[in-house]
Protein backbone atom coordinates (compact mmCIF):
# COMPACT_ATOMS: atom_id res chain seq x y z
CA MET A 1 106.09 41.62 98.82
CA ALA A 2 104.48 38.45 98.52
CA LEU A 3 103.48 35.71 96.26
CA ALA A 4 99.73 35.19 95.51
CA GLU A 5 97.73 32.31 94.65
CA SER A 6 95.93 33.69 91.68
CA ILE A 7 95.91 36.66 89.47
CA GLU A 8 93.47 39.52 90.36
CA GLU A 9 91.26 41.52 87.89
CA ASP A 10 93.19 44.65 88.82
CA ASP A 11 96.96 43.13 88.64
CA GLU A 12 99.22 44.79 86.14
CA LYS A 13 101.12 42.22 83.81
CA VAL A 14 104.24 42.92 81.98
CA GLU A 15 106.38 40.62 79.83
CA VAL A 16 109.95 41.53 79.28
CA GLU A 17 112.34 39.26 77.28
CA GLY A 18 109.94 36.17 77.59
CA ILE A 19 109.47 36.32 81.49
CA GLN A 20 106.00 37.58 82.70
CA PHE A 21 105.97 39.89 85.85
CA ILE A 22 102.55 40.51 87.66
CA TYR A 23 101.79 43.12 90.44
CA ASN A 24 99.09 44.71 92.15
CA ASN A 25 98.16 48.13 90.38
CA GLY A 26 98.70 50.03 93.71
CA VAL A 27 102.25 49.53 93.41
CA SER A 28 102.68 50.92 89.81
CA PHE A 29 104.67 53.81 91.05
CA TYR A 30 107.34 51.79 92.61
CA MET A 31 107.63 49.44 89.56
CA GLU A 32 108.82 52.53 87.69
CA GLU A 33 112.64 52.31 86.60
CA LEU A 34 112.95 49.10 88.11
CA THR A 35 115.86 46.72 87.34
CA ILE A 36 115.65 43.03 88.34
CA SER A 37 118.56 40.85 87.82
CA TYR A 38 119.86 37.11 88.86
CA GLU A 39 123.04 37.69 90.34
CA LYS A 40 125.66 34.45 91.60
CA SER A 41 128.44 35.55 93.91
CA TRP A 42 130.51 34.06 96.67
CA ALA A 43 127.90 34.74 99.38
CA GLY A 44 125.19 32.76 97.13
CA GLU A 45 122.84 33.47 94.34
CA GLY A 46 119.36 35.04 93.66
CA PHE A 47 117.53 38.11 92.29
CA GLN A 48 118.38 41.27 93.08
CA VAL A 49 115.97 44.48 92.76
CA TYR A 50 117.39 47.72 92.05
CA ARG A 51 115.45 51.29 91.86
CA ASP A 52 116.93 54.70 91.47
CA GLY A 53 119.80 53.77 93.87
CA TYR A 54 118.02 51.76 96.24
CA SER A 55 118.27 47.87 96.56
CA SER A 56 116.96 45.03 98.40
CA CYS A 57 117.39 41.15 98.08
């Protein structure tokens, strides 16, 4: 995953509760059933990404 400087013509754009997400059309399969949350804990804080039992930081 990386941040791009600009939006490409074939990028997908989704807005959820006022937050816009933009991703490459080639990863659409991986975006299904995806949950993104912002969590704070004793270890720190940040975005958590979950999909069908898998997670990453």
